């Protein structure tokens, strides 16, 4: 609320000032153009400096491998046993942002593939610590998957223990070329997973042309499925499509409540992933991944994956109210 309304004289002076400024711009076009040019040059310089700083920040992460991997259990809903884990990258560097922002920034400065490959290398370095028979699901964009660096990264890995999950960060523009580009990986035994089924991002063309080994139901479909008949109908249809038509593995992502878990089990979903089954964590005690059991009430005992970390469940750095313990800092290779 204004304490004292403006006087008529004040309004007149302001209007006159604006007129004068406008007239000066008309009378002195060269001066006005020079002013705009200076502002434009300054904005461009600021943008270039910001990009340069971003590039330096991303390059340091890549060179030092200064990121860590958290793993979330992928659980058989019938037995309660973890049959695999999904590798999730975590960044402790400032400014604190979620992993998808870091990867998006890397792409803007032409380092998207390099950062994704670095993240995959850090994750695969721990694959031998998983119990025998368990697989590791790694995420990569279509462009990265087709890159030479990515294929070199997977050259020595035990292929049958790796699931390649195609992210939706960028679209696949040529399915034939993509299928040909990953044919050698699949012939070695590396399985292909497609996520976001049921969200609209991964359409039927995406599923039919890629012929994935694993289809992951999107969290948007899983969330609240126990209270929504429409979600249940769509979930039932997708499960039937995957299990009957493709005979592929179906995984429900984002299971967070006992109700969601119970409903998905009743719909016949064989595999699930989410906070109700195990929160992301480091492989401090890998053997604990096999300790989950489904109780008669539908609960699943959460595997113990390690002590508190610098990140929350969504991948955001926690508030640093006290110095981080050295053993919780990201390792460097």
C-alpha atoms as a PDB file:
ATOM      1  CA  UNK A   1       0.000   0.000   0.000  1.00  0.00           C
ATOM      2  CA  UNK A   2       1.347   3.406  -1.002  1.00  0.00           C
ATOM      3  CA  UNK A   3       1.596   5.767   1.992  1.00  0.00           C
ATOM      4  CA  UNK A   4       1.139   8.974  -0.078  1.00  0.00           C
ATOM      5  CA  UNK A   5      -0.445   9.013  -3.555  1.00  0.00           C
ATOM      6  CA  UNK A   6       1.664  10.620  -6.294  1.00  0.00           C
ATOM      7  CA  UNK A   7       0.933  14.260  -7.012  1.00  0.00           C
ATOM      8  CA  UNK A   8      -0.317  15.377 -10.415  1.00  0.00           C
ATOM      9  CA  UNK A   9       2.925  17.289 -10.889  1.00  0.00           C
ATOM     10  CA  UNK A  10       4.947  14.104 -10.214  1.00  0.00           C
ATOM     11  CA  UNK A  11       3.028  12.203 -12.841  1.00  0.00           C
ATOM     12  CA  UNK A  12       3.529  15.011 -15.339  1.00  0.00           C
ATOM     13  CA  UNK A  13       7.289  15.059 -14.780  1.00  0.00           C
ATOM     14  CA  UNK A  14       7.571  11.269 -15.182  1.00  0.00           C
ATOM     15  CA  UNK A  15       5.575  11.367 -18.417  1.00  0.00           C
ATOM     16  CA  UNK A  16       7.717  14.199 -19.717  1.00  0.00           C
ATOM     17  CA  UNK A  17      10.889  12.287 -18.858  1.00  0.00           C
ATOM     18  CA  UNK A  18       9.690   9.234 -20.766  1.00  0.00           C
ATOM     19  CA  UNK A  19       8.809  11.430 -23.781  1.00  0.00           C
ATOM     20  CA  UNK A  20      12.238  13.043 -23.686  1.00  0.00           C
ATOM     21  CA  UNK A  21      13.950   9.660 -23.606  1.00  0.00           C
ATOM     22  CA  UNK A  22      11.882   8.426 -26.544  1.00  0.00           C
ATOM     23  CA  UNK A  23      12.579  11.577 -28.548  1.00  0.00           C
ATOM     24  CA  UNK A  24      16.302  11.301 -27.842  1.00  0.00           C
ATOM     25  CA  UNK A  25      16.256   7.736 -29.195  1.00  0.00           C
ATOM     26  CA  UNK A  26      14.582   8.956 -32.411  1.00  0.00           C
ATOM     27  CA  UNK A  27      16.840  11.971 -32.811  1.00  0.00           C
ATOM     28  CA  UNK A  28      20.005  10.037 -32.026  1.00  0.00           C
ATOM     29  CA  UNK A  29      19.572   6.601 -33.669  1.00  0.00           C
ATOM     30  CA  UNK A  30      23.326   6.032 -33.770  1.00  0.00           C
ATOM     31  CA  UNK A  31      23.650   6.587 -30.026  1.00  0.00           C
ATOM     32  CA  UNK A  32      20.641   4.334 -29.319  1.00  0.00           C
ATOM     33  CA  UNK A  33      22.002   1.597 -31.595  1.00  0.00           C
ATOM     34  CA  UNK A  34      25.406   1.805 -29.935  1.00  0.00           C
ATOM     35  CA  UNK A  35      23.787   1.418 -26.524  1.00  0.00           C
ATOM     36  CA  UNK A  36      21.851  -1.663 -27.660  1.00  0.00           C
ATOM     37  CA  UNK A  37      24.991  -3.095 -29.222  1.00  0.00           C
ATOM     38  CA  UNK A  38      26.923  -2.637 -25.985  1.00  0.00           C
ATOM     39  CA  UNK A  39      24.194  -4.399 -24.010  1.00  0.00           C
ATOM     40  CA  UNK A  40      24.038  -7.216 -26.566  1.00  0.00           C
ATOM     41  CA  UNK A  41      27.824  -7.646 -26.508  1.00  0.00           C
ATOM     42  CA  UNK A  42      27.822  -7.692 -22.717  1.00  0.00           C
ATOM     43  CA  UNK A  43      25.065 -10.322 -22.628  1.00  0.00           C
ATOM     44  CA  UNK A  44      26.930 -12.430 -25.161  1.00  0.00           C
ATOM     45  CA  UNK A  45      30.143 -12.170 -23.167  1.00  0.00           C
ATOM     46  CA  UNK A  46      28.327 -13.224 -19.992  1.00  0.00           C
ATOM     47  CA  UNK A  47      26.779 -16.191 -21.790  1.00  0.00           C
ATOM     48  CA  UNK A  48      30.148 -17.267 -23.197  1.00  0.00           C
ATOM     49  CA  UNK A  49      31.770 -16.990 -19.772  1.00  0.00           C
ATOM     50  CA  UNK A  50      28.986 -19.046 -18.219  1.00  0.00           C
ATOM     51  CA  UNK A  51      29.418 -21.768 -20.863  1.00  0.00           C
ATOM     52  CA  UNK A  52      33.180 -21.767 -20.340  1.00  0.00           C
ATOM     53  CA  UNK A  53      32.731 -22.203 -16.585  1.00  0.00           C
ATOM     54  CA  UNK A  54      30.227 -25.021 -17.163  1.00  0.00           C
ATOM     55  CA  UNK A  55      32.620 -26.771 -19.533  1.00  0.00           C
ATOM     56  CA  UNK A  56      35.487 -26.521 -17.034  1.00  0.00           C
ATOM     57  CA  UNK A  57      33.267 -27.880 -14.254  1.00  0.00           C
ATOM     58  CA  UNK A  58      32.132 -30.851 -16.355  1.00  0.00           C
ATOM     59  CA  UNK A  59      35.653 -31.584 -17.591  1.00  0.00           C
ATOM     60  CA  UNK A  60      36.946 -31.748 -14.016  1.00  0.00           C
ATOM     61  CA  UNK A  61      34.258 -34.311 -13.148  1.00  0.00           C
ATOM     62  CA  UNK A  62      35.114 -36.393 -16.216  1.00  0.00           C
ATOM     63  CA  UNK A  63      38.880 -36.268 -15.734  1.00  0.00           C
ATOM     64  CA  UNK A  64      38.772 -37.003 -12.010  1.00  0.00           C
ATOM     65  CA  UNK A  65      35.817 -39.395 -12.195  1.00  0.00           C
ATOM     66  CA  UNK A  66      34.515 -37.360  -9.246  1.00  0.00           C
ATOM     67  CA  UNK A  67      31.051 -38.855  -9.100  1.00  0.00           C
ATOM     68  CA  UNK A  68      29.740 -41.886  -7.303  1.00  0.00           C
ATOM     69  CA  UNK A  69      27.148 -44.544  -8.055  1.00  0.00           C
ATOM     70  CA  UNK A  70      24.201 -45.537  -5.913  1.00  0.00           C
ATOM     71  CA  UNK A  71      22.342 -48.757  -6.634  1.00  0.00           C
ATOM     72  CA  UNK A  72      18.638 -49.483  -6.269  1.00  0.00           C
ATOM     73  CA  UNK A  73      17.406 -53.070  -5.982  1.00  0.00           C
ATOM     74  CA  UNK A  74      15.254 -54.597  -8.720  1.00  0.00           C
ATOM     75  CA  UNK A  75      13.174 -57.195  -6.900  1.00  0.00           C
ATOM     76  CA  UNK A  76      11.240 -60.321  -7.884  1.00  0.00           C
ATOM     77  CA  UNK A  77       7.769 -59.583  -6.489  1.00  0.00           C
ATOM     78  CA  UNK A  78       6.938 -63.248  -6.036  1.00  0.00           C
ATOM     79  CA  UNK A  79       9.997 -64.256  -4.025  1.00  0.00           C
ATOM     80  CA  UNK A  80      11.156 -60.901  -2.641  1.00  0.00           C
ATOM     81  CA  UNK A  81      14.678 -61.625  -3.882  1.00  0.00           C
ATOM     82  CA  UNK A  82      16.700 -58.883  -5.562  1.00  0.00           C
ATOM     83  CA  UNK A  83      17.668 -60.058  -9.038  1.00  0.00           C
ATOM     84  CA  UNK A  84      19.453 -56.926 -10.172  1.00  0.00           C
ATOM     85  CA  UNK A  85      20.280 -53.299  -9.413  1.00  0.00           C
ATOM     86  CA  UNK A  86      19.978 -50.056 -11.339  1.00  0.00           C
ATOM     87  CA  UNK A  87      23.058 -47.816 -11.297  1.00  0.00           C
ATOM     88  CA  UNK A  88      22.238 -44.172 -10.460  1.00  0.00           C
ATOM     89  CA  UNK A  89      24.867 -41.424 -10.672  1.00  0.00           C
ATOM     90  CA  UNK A  90      25.306 -38.912  -7.856  1.00  0.00           C
ATOM     91  CA  UNK A  91      27.200 -35.602  -7.970  1.00  0.00           C
ATOM     92  CA  UNK A  92      28.500 -33.916  -4.813  1.00  0.00           C
ATOM     93  CA  UNK A  93      29.937 -30.867  -6.574  1.00  0.00           C
ATOM     94  CA  UNK A  94      28.504 -27.407  -6.094  1.00  0.00           C
ATOM     95  CA  UNK A  95      26.111 -26.056  -7.111  1.00  0.00           C
ATOM     96  CA  UNK A  96      23.939 -28.853  -5.756  1.00  0.00           C
ATOM     97  CA  UNK A  97      21.636 -30.102  -8.490  1.00  0.00           C
ATOM     98  CA  UNK A  98      19.963 -33.343  -9.507  1.00  0.00           C
ATOM     99  CA  UNK A  99      21.825 -35.749 -11.849  1.00  0.00           C
ATOM    100  CA  UNK A 100      19.590 -35.010 -14.855  1.00  0.00           C
ATOM    101  CA  UNK A 101      20.601 -31.333 -14.676  1.00  0.00           C
ATOM    102  CA  UNK A 102      24.298 -32.253 -14.684  1.00  0.00           C
ATOM    103  CA  UNK A 103      23.867 -34.497 -17.727  1.00  0.00           C
ATOM    104  CA  UNK A 104      21.797 -31.841 -19.523  1.00  0.00           C
ATOM    105  CA  UNK A 105      24.472 -29.223 -18.858  1.00  0.00           C
ATOM    106  CA  UNK A 106      27.160 -31.559 -20.164  1.00  0.00           C
ATOM    107  CA  UNK A 107      25.188 -31.954 -23.389  1.00  0.00           C
ATOM    108  CA  UNK A 108      24.948 -28.169 -23.850  1.00  0.00           C
ATOM    109  CA  UNK A 109      28.758 -27.880 -23.900  1.00  0.00           C
ATOM    110  CA  UNK A 110      29.299 -30.933 -26.094  1.00  0.00           C
ATOM    111  CA  UNK A 111      30.382 -33.260 -23.279  1.00  0.00           C
ATOM    112  CA  UNK A 112      27.228 -35.313 -22.868  1.00  0.00           C
ATOM    113  CA  UNK A 113      28.684 -38.564 -24.178  1.00  0.00           C
ATOM    114  CA  UNK A 114      31.934 -38.141 -22.237  1.00  0.00           C
ATOM    115  CA  UNK A 115      30.096 -37.625 -18.933  1.00  0.00           C
ATOM    116  CA  UNK A 116      27.719 -40.551 -19.543  1.00  0.00           C
ATOM    117  CA  UNK A 117      30.627 -42.862 -20.393  1.00  0.00           C
ATOM    118  CA  UNK A 118      32.461 -41.739 -17.245  1.00  0.00           C
ATOM    119  CA  UNK A 119      29.352 -42.507 -15.165  1.00  0.00           C
ATOM    120  CA  UNK A 120      29.040 -45.964 -16.739  1.00  0.00           C
ATOM    121  CA  UNK A 121      32.721 -46.710 -16.094  1.00  0.00           C
ATOM    122  CA  UNK A 122      32.374 -45.762 -12.423  1.00  0.00           C
ATOM    123  CA  UNK A 123      29.299 -47.990 -12.093  1.00  0.00           C
ATOM    124  CA  UNK A 124      30.770 -51.000 -13.909  1.00  0.00           C
ATOM    125  CA  UNK A 125      33.855 -50.851 -11.695  1.00  0.00           C
ATOM    126  CA  UNK A 126      31.616 -52.299  -8.952  1.00  0.00           C
ATOM    127  CA  UNK A 127      29.861 -55.023 -10.927  1.00  0.00           C
ATOM    128  CA  UNK A 128      32.093 -57.781  -9.530  1.00  0.00           C
ATOM    129  CA  UNK A 129      30.927 -56.843  -6.028  1.00  0.00           C
ATOM    130  CA  UNK A 130      27.369 -57.907  -6.827  1.00  0.00           C
ATOM    131  CA  UNK A 131      26.302 -61.402  -5.755  1.00  0.00           C
ATOM    132  CA  UNK A 132      26.622 -63.980  -8.532  1.00  0.00           C
ATOM    133  CA  UNK A 133      23.579 -64.154 -10.762  1.00  0.00           C
ATOM    134  CA  UNK A 134      22.621 -60.501 -10.280  1.00  0.00           C
ATOM    135  CA  UNK A 135      22.733 -58.010 -13.124  1.00  0.00           C
ATOM    136  CA  UNK A 136      23.467 -54.280 -13.270  1.00  0.00           C
ATOM    137  CA  UNK A 137      21.248 -51.925 -15.268  1.00  0.00           C
ATOM    138  CA  UNK A 138      23.079 -48.896 -16.670  1.00  0.00           C
ATOM    139  CA  UNK A 139      21.521 -45.828 -18.289  1.00  0.00           C
ATOM    140  CA  UNK A 140      22.669 -44.121 -21.475  1.00  0.00           C
ATOM    141  CA  UNK A 141      21.192 -41.902 -24.167  1.00  0.00           C
ATOM    142  CA  UNK A 142      20.842 -43.196 -27.757  1.00  0.00           C
ATOM    143  CA  UNK A 143      23.715 -41.000 -28.981  1.00  0.00           C
ATOM    144  CA  UNK A 144      26.036 -42.305 -26.266  1.00  0.00           C
ATOM    145  CA  UNK A 145      25.050 -45.925 -26.907  1.00  0.00           C
ATOM    146  CA  UNK A 146      26.083 -45.563 -30.558  1.00  0.00           C
ATOM    147  CA  UNK A 147      29.411 -43.899 -29.708  1.00  0.00           C
ATOM    148  CA  UNK A 148      32.753 -45.681 -30.028  1.00  0.00           C
ATOM    149  CA  UNK A 149      33.701 -44.668 -26.470  1.00  0.00           C
ATOM    150  CA  UNK A 150      30.679 -46.484 -25.064  1.00  0.00           C
ATOM    151  CA  UNK A 151      31.446 -49.699 -26.941  1.00  0.00           C
ATOM    152  CA  UNK A 152      35.057 -49.578 -25.751  1.00  0.00           C
ATOM    153  CA  UNK A 153      33.794 -49.098 -22.189  1.00  0.00           C
ATOM    154  CA  UNK A 154      31.755 -52.324 -22.446  1.00  0.00           C
ATOM    155  CA  UNK A 155      34.381 -54.340 -24.314  1.00  0.00           C
ATOM    156  CA  UNK A 156      35.689 -56.263 -21.295  1.00  0.00           C
ATOM    157  CA  UNK A 157      32.530 -56.455 -19.213  1.00  0.00           C
ATOM    158  CA  UNK A 158      30.728 -59.729 -18.456  1.00  0.00           C
ATOM    159  CA  UNK A 159      27.934 -59.168 -20.968  1.00  0.00           C
ATOM    160  CA  UNK A 160      25.234 -61.367 -19.410  1.00  0.00           C
ATOM    161  CA  UNK A 161      25.397 -59.308 -16.208  1.00  0.00           C
ATOM    162  CA  UNK A 162      24.627 -56.002 -17.948  1.00  0.00           C
ATOM    163  CA  UNK A 163      21.274 -54.489 -18.895  1.00  0.00           C
ATOM    164  CA  UNK A 164      21.396 -51.407 -21.099  1.00  0.00           C
ATOM    165  CA  UNK A 165      18.573 -49.007 -20.286  1.00  0.00           C
ATOM    166  CA  UNK A 166      17.810 -46.501 -23.038  1.00  0.00           C
ATOM    167  CA  UNK A 167      17.062 -43.097 -21.523  1.00  0.00           C
ATOM    168  CA  UNK A 168      14.552 -40.620 -22.938  1.00  0.00           C
ATOM    169  CA  UNK A 169      16.874 -37.599 -22.818  1.00  0.00           C
ATOM    170  CA  UNK A 170      16.994 -37.545 -26.606  1.00  0.00           C
ATOM    171  CA  UNK A 171      14.825 -39.313 -29.189  1.00  0.00           C
ATOM    172  CA  UNK A 172      15.833 -42.159 -31.501  1.00  0.00           C
ATOM    173  CA  UNK A 173      15.505 -40.688 -34.971  1.00  0.00           C
ATOM    174  CA  UNK A 174      16.463 -43.792 -36.949  1.00  0.00           C
ATOM    175  CA  UNK A 175      15.428 -47.095 -35.366  1.00  0.00           C
ATOM    176  CA  UNK A 176      17.126 -49.157 -38.075  1.00  0.00           C
ATOM    177  CA  UNK A 177      20.458 -47.454 -37.537  1.00  0.00           C
ATOM    178  CA  UNK A 178      20.116 -47.722 -33.754  1.00  0.00           C
ATOM    179  CA  UNK A 179      19.269 -51.442 -33.886  1.00  0.00           C
ATOM    180  CA  UNK A 180      22.254 -52.058 -36.158  1.00  0.00           C
ATOM    181  CA  UNK A 181      24.515 -50.030 -33.869  1.00  0.00           C
ATOM    182  CA  UNK A 182      23.708 -52.172 -30.815  1.00  0.00           C
ATOM    183  CA  UNK A 183      23.532 -55.528 -32.600  1.00  0.00           C
ATOM    184  CA  UNK A 184      27.066 -56.470 -31.519  1.00  0.00           C
ATOM    185  CA  UNK A 185      26.270 -55.640 -27.872  1.00  0.00           C
ATOM    186  CA  UNK A 186      23.091 -57.740 -27.917  1.00  0.00           C
ATOM    187  CA  UNK A 187      24.817 -60.610 -29.698  1.00  0.00           C
ATOM    188  CA  UNK A 188      27.298 -60.737 -26.820  1.00  0.00           C
ATOM    189  CA  UNK A 189      24.440 -61.148 -24.329  1.00  0.00           C
ATOM    190  CA  UNK A 190      23.858 -57.571 -23.147  1.00  0.00           C
ATOM    191  CA  UNK A 191      20.112 -57.082 -22.657  1.00  0.00           C
ATOM    192  CA  UNK A 192      18.154 -54.000 -23.676  1.00  0.00           C
ATOM    193  CA  UNK A 193      15.600 -52.273 -21.443  1.00  0.00           C
ATOM    194  CA  UNK A 194      13.132 -49.525 -22.337  1.00  0.00           C
ATOM    195  CA  UNK A 195      11.654 -47.393 -19.578  1.00  0.00           C
ATOM    196  CA  UNK A 196       8.725 -44.953 -19.382  1.00  0.00           C
ATOM    197  CA  UNK A 197       6.228 -47.467 -20.811  1.00  0.00           C
ATOM    198  CA  UNK A 198       2.754 -46.098 -20.148  1.00  0.00           C
ATOM    199  CA  UNK A 199       3.858 -42.474 -19.877  1.00  0.00           C
ATOM    200  CA  UNK A 200       3.519 -41.537 -23.533  1.00  0.00           C
ATOM    201  CA  UNK A 201       7.268 -41.092 -24.054  1.00  0.00           C
ATOM    202  CA  UNK A 202       7.929 -44.681 -25.106  1.00  0.00           C
ATOM    203  CA  UNK A 203       5.229 -45.338 -27.679  1.00  0.00           C
ATOM    204  CA  UNK A 204       4.371 -48.691 -29.220  1.00  0.00           C
ATOM    205  CA  UNK A 205       6.688 -47.952 -32.147  1.00  0.00           C
ATOM    206  CA  UNK A 206       9.493 -47.542 -29.624  1.00  0.00           C
ATOM    207  CA  UNK A 207       8.710 -50.925 -28.101  1.00  0.00           C
ATOM    208  CA  UNK A 208       7.996 -52.804 -31.329  1.00  0.00           C
ATOM    209  CA  UNK A 209      11.046 -51.566 -33.265  1.00  0.00           C
ATOM    210  CA  UNK A 210      13.547 -51.995 -30.431  1.00  0.00           C
ATOM    211  CA  UNK A 211      12.238 -55.390 -29.280  1.00  0.00           C
ATOM    212  CA  UNK A 212      13.599 -54.897 -25.748  1.00  0.00           C
ATOM    213  CA  UNK A 213      14.360 -57.705 -23.329  1.00  0.00           C
ATOM    214  CA  UNK A 214      12.916 -55.678 -20.449  1.00  0.00           C
ATOM    215  CA  UNK A 215      10.035 -53.184 -20.401  1.00  0.00           C
ATOM    216  CA  UNK A 216       9.797 -50.856 -17.409  1.00  0.00           C
ATOM    217  CA  UNK A 217       6.417 -49.422 -16.475  1.00  0.00           C
ATOM    218  CA  UNK A 218       6.728 -45.717 -15.823  1.00  0.00           C
ATOM    219  CA  UNK A 219       6.421 -44.255 -12.339  1.00  0.00           C
ATOM    220  CA  UNK A 220       3.524 -42.086 -13.580  1.00  0.00           C
ATOM    221  CA  UNK A 221       1.546 -45.297 -14.119  1.00  0.00           C
ATOM    222  CA  UNK A 222       2.680 -46.968 -10.885  1.00  0.00           C
ATOM    223  CA  UNK A 223       1.990 -43.978  -8.624  1.00  0.00           C
ATOM    224  CA  UNK A 224      -1.433 -44.429  -7.057  1.00  0.00           C
ATOM    225  CA  UNK A 225      -2.305 -47.481  -9.151  1.00  0.00           C
ATOM    226  CA  UNK A 226      -4.029 -49.031  -6.118  1.00  0.00           C
ATOM    227  CA  UNK A 227      -6.570 -46.168  -6.067  1.00  0.00           C
ATOM    228  CA  UNK A 228      -7.129 -45.617  -9.797  1.00  0.00           C
ATOM    229  CA  UNK A 229      -9.076 -48.130 -11.951  1.00  0.00           C
ATOM    230  CA  UNK A 230      -7.837 -46.419 -15.140  1.00  0.00           C
ATOM    231  CA  UNK A 231      -4.204 -46.971 -14.152  1.00  0.00           C
ATOM    232  CA  UNK A 232      -4.997 -50.562 -13.266  1.00  0.00           C
ATOM    233  CA  UNK A 233      -6.586 -51.154 -16.678  1.00  0.00           C
ATOM    234  CA  UNK A 234      -3.635 -49.634 -18.529  1.00  0.00           C
ATOM    235  CA  UNK A 235      -1.155 -51.500 -16.346  1.00  0.00           C
ATOM    236  CA  UNK A 236      -2.961 -54.800 -16.984  1.00  0.00           C
ATOM    237  CA  UNK A 237      -2.920 -54.156 -20.756  1.00  0.00           C
ATOM    238  CA  UNK A 238       0.776 -53.299 -20.829  1.00  0.00           C
ATOM    239  CA  UNK A 239       1.660 -56.318 -18.717  1.00  0.00           C
ATOM    240  CA  UNK A 240      -0.309 -58.582 -21.045  1.00  0.00           C
ATOM    241  CA  UNK A 241       1.358 -56.963 -24.070  1.00  0.00           C
ATOM    242  CA  UNK A 242       4.841 -57.492 -22.673  1.00  0.00           C
ATOM    243  CA  UNK A 243       4.380 -60.901 -21.111  1.00  0.00           C
ATOM    244  CA  UNK A 244       2.232 -62.520 -23.816  1.00  0.00           C
ATOM    245  CA  UNK A 245       3.232 -60.789 -27.059  1.00  0.00           C
ATOM    246  CA  UNK A 246       6.935 -60.310 -26.329  1.00  0.00           C
ATOM    247  CA  UNK A 247       7.532 -62.777 -23.502  1.00  0.00           C
ATOM    248  CA  UNK A 248       9.752 -60.067 -22.053  1.00  0.00           C
ATOM    249  CA  UNK A 249      10.499 -59.153 -18.447  1.00  0.00           C
ATOM    250  CA  UNK A 250       8.168 -56.481 -17.053  1.00  0.00           C
ATOM    251  CA  UNK A 251       9.393 -54.196 -14.268  1.00  0.00           C
ATOM    252  CA  UNK A 252       7.231 -51.666 -12.418  1.00  0.00           C
ATOM    253  CA  UNK A 253       9.212 -48.584 -11.374  1.00  0.00           C
ATOM    254  CA  UNK A 254       8.477 -46.210  -8.514  1.00  0.00           C
ATOM    255  CA  UNK A 255       6.680 -48.553  -6.090  1.00  0.00           C
ATOM    256  CA  UNK A 256       6.480 -46.541  -2.878  1.00  0.00           C
ATOM    257  CA  UNK A 257       3.546 -47.912  -0.875  1.00  0.00           C
ATOM    258  CA  UNK A 258       2.231 -51.282   0.286  1.00  0.00           C
ATOM    259  CA  UNK A 259      -0.984 -50.624  -1.649  1.00  0.00           C
ATOM    260  CA  UNK A 260       0.865 -50.064  -4.931  1.00  0.00           C
ATOM    261  CA  UNK A 261       2.961 -53.174  -4.306  1.00  0.00           C
ATOM    262  CA  UNK A 262      -0.076 -55.338  -3.523  1.00  0.00           C
ATOM    263  CA  UNK A 263      -2.002 -54.125  -6.582  1.00  0.00           C
ATOM    264  CA  UNK A 264       0.901 -54.711  -8.964  1.00  0.00           C
ATOM    265  CA  UNK A 265       1.365 -58.210  -7.603  1.00  0.00           C
ATOM    266  CA  UNK A 266      -2.346 -58.928  -8.104  1.00  0.00           C
ATOM    267  CA  UNK A 267      -2.078 -57.676 -11.705  1.00  0.00           C
ATOM    268  CA  UNK A 268       0.672 -60.213 -12.313  1.00  0.00           C
ATOM    269  CA  UNK A 269       3.638 -57.851 -12.468  1.00  0.00           C
ATOM    270  CA  UNK A 270       6.672 -60.088 -11.844  1.00  0.00           C
ATOM    271  CA  UNK A 271       9.373 -57.549 -10.984  1.00  0.00           C
ATOM    272  CA  UNK A 272       9.428 -54.177  -9.237  1.00  0.00           C
ATOM    273  CA  UNK A 273      11.622 -51.321  -8.135  1.00  0.00           C
ATOM    274  CA  UNK A 274      11.025 -48.416  -5.770  1.00  0.00           C
ATOM    275  CA  UNK A 275      11.417 -47.046  -2.254  1.00  0.00           C
ATOM    276  CA  UNK A 276       9.063 -49.698  -0.850  1.00  0.00           C
ATOM    277  CA  UNK A 277      11.511 -52.360  -2.042  1.00  0.00           C
ATOM    278  CA  UNK A 278      14.813 -50.643  -1.360  1.00  0.00           C
ATOM    279  CA  UNK A 279      16.174 -47.124  -1.495  1.00  0.00           C
ATOM    280  CA  UNK A 280      19.251 -46.257  -3.582  1.00  0.00           C
ATOM    281  CA  UNK A 281      22.524 -46.671  -1.736  1.00  0.00           C
ATOM    282  CA  UNK A 282      26.163 -47.627  -2.078  1.00  0.00           C
ATOM    283  CA  UNK A 283      27.271 -51.261  -2.184  1.00  0.00           C
ATOM    284  CA  UNK A 284      28.622 -51.266   1.354  1.00  0.00           C
ATOM    285  CA  UNK A 285      27.200 -54.709   2.120  1.00  0.00           C
ATOM    286  CA  UNK A 286      26.321 -56.264  -1.263  1.00  0.00           C
ATOM    287  CA  UNK A 287      25.155 -59.518   0.348  1.00  0.00           C
ATOM    288  CA  UNK A 288      22.269 -57.603   1.972  1.00  0.00           C
ATOM    289  CA  UNK A 289      20.729 -57.199  -1.475  1.00  0.00           C
ATOM    290  CA  UNK A 290      19.593 -60.810  -1.260  1.00  0.00           C
ATOM    291  CA  UNK A 291      17.941 -60.427   2.150  1.00  0.00           C
ATOM    292  CA  UNK A 292      14.590 -58.988   1.049  1.00  0.00           C
ATOM    293  CA  UNK A 293      11.539 -61.187   1.690  1.00  0.00           C
ATOM    294  CA  UNK A 294       7.856 -60.696   0.909  1.00  0.00           C
ATOM    295  CA  UNK A 295       5.673 -61.172   3.985  1.00  0.00           C
ATOM    296  CA  UNK A 296       2.048 -62.429   3.922  1.00  0.00           C
ATOM    297  CA  UNK A 297       0.870 -58.841   4.451  1.00  0.00           C
ATOM    298  CA  UNK A 298       2.589 -57.779   1.247  1.00  0.00           C
ATOM    299  CA  UNK A 299       5.478 -55.954   2.886  1.00  0.00           C
ATOM    300  CA  UNK A 300       8.981 -56.341   1.548  1.00  0.00           C
ATOM    301  CA  UNK A 301      11.880 -56.038   3.930  1.00  0.00           C
ATOM    302  CA  UNK A 302      14.143 -53.299   2.638  1.00  0.00           C
ATOM    303  CA  UNK A 303      17.695 -54.375   1.848  1.00  0.00           C
ATOM    304  CA  UNK A 304      20.335 -52.526   3.863  1.00  0.00           C
ATOM    305  CA  UNK A 305      22.576 -50.851   1.341  1.00  0.00           C
ATOM    306  CA  UNK A 306      24.834 -48.797   3.554  1.00  0.00           C
ATOM    307  CA  UNK A 307      25.082 -45.798   5.907  1.00  0.00           C
ATOM    308  CA  UNK A 308      23.692 -42.338   5.180  1.00  0.00           C
ATOM    309  CA  UNK A 309      25.255 -40.643   2.179  1.00  0.00           C
ATOM    310  CA  UNK A 310      25.681 -37.031   0.999  1.00  0.00           C
ATOM    311  CA  UNK A 311      22.627 -37.483  -1.261  1.00  0.00           C
ATOM    312  CA  UNK A 312      18.926 -37.930  -0.683  1.00  0.00           C
ATOM    313  CA  UNK A 313      16.726 -40.472  -2.492  1.00  0.00           C
ATOM    314  CA  UNK A 314      16.143 -38.130  -5.433  1.00  0.00           C
ATOM    315  CA  UNK A 315      19.859 -37.618  -6.034  1.00  0.00           C
ATOM    316  CA  UNK A 316      20.051 -34.152  -4.511  1.00  0.00           C
ATOM    317  CA  UNK A 317      22.978 -33.339  -2.189  1.00  0.00           C
ATOM    318  CA  UNK A 318      21.844 -33.179   1.427  1.00  0.00           C
ATOM    319  CA  UNK A 319      22.086 -29.910   3.375  1.00  0.00           C
ATOM    320  CA  UNK A 320      25.559 -29.769   4.829  1.00  0.00           C
ATOM    321  CA  UNK A 321      24.864 -28.911   8.423  1.00  0.00           C
ATOM    322  CA  UNK A 322      28.122 -30.538   9.456  1.00  0.00           C
ATOM    323  CA  UNK A 323      31.342 -31.565   7.703  1.00  0.00           C
ATOM    324  CA  UNK A 324      31.004 -34.688   5.568  1.00  0.00           C
ATOM    325  CA  UNK A 325      32.776 -37.795   6.767  1.00  0.00           C
ATOM    326  CA  UNK A 326      35.746 -38.624   4.505  1.00  0.00           C
ATOM    327  CA  UNK A 327      34.404 -42.107   3.766  1.00  0.00           C
ATOM    328  CA  UNK A 328      31.221 -40.576   2.357  1.00  0.00           C
ATOM    329  CA  UNK A 329      32.936 -38.260  -0.115  1.00  0.00           C
ATOM    330  CA  UNK A 330      32.887 -39.216  -3.800  1.00  0.00           C
ATOM    331  CA  UNK A 331      35.837 -41.385  -4.751  1.00  0.00           C
ATOM    332  CA  UNK A 332      38.239 -40.379  -7.504  1.00  0.00           C
ATOM    333  CA  UNK A 333      40.008 -42.644  -9.887  1.00  0.00           C
END
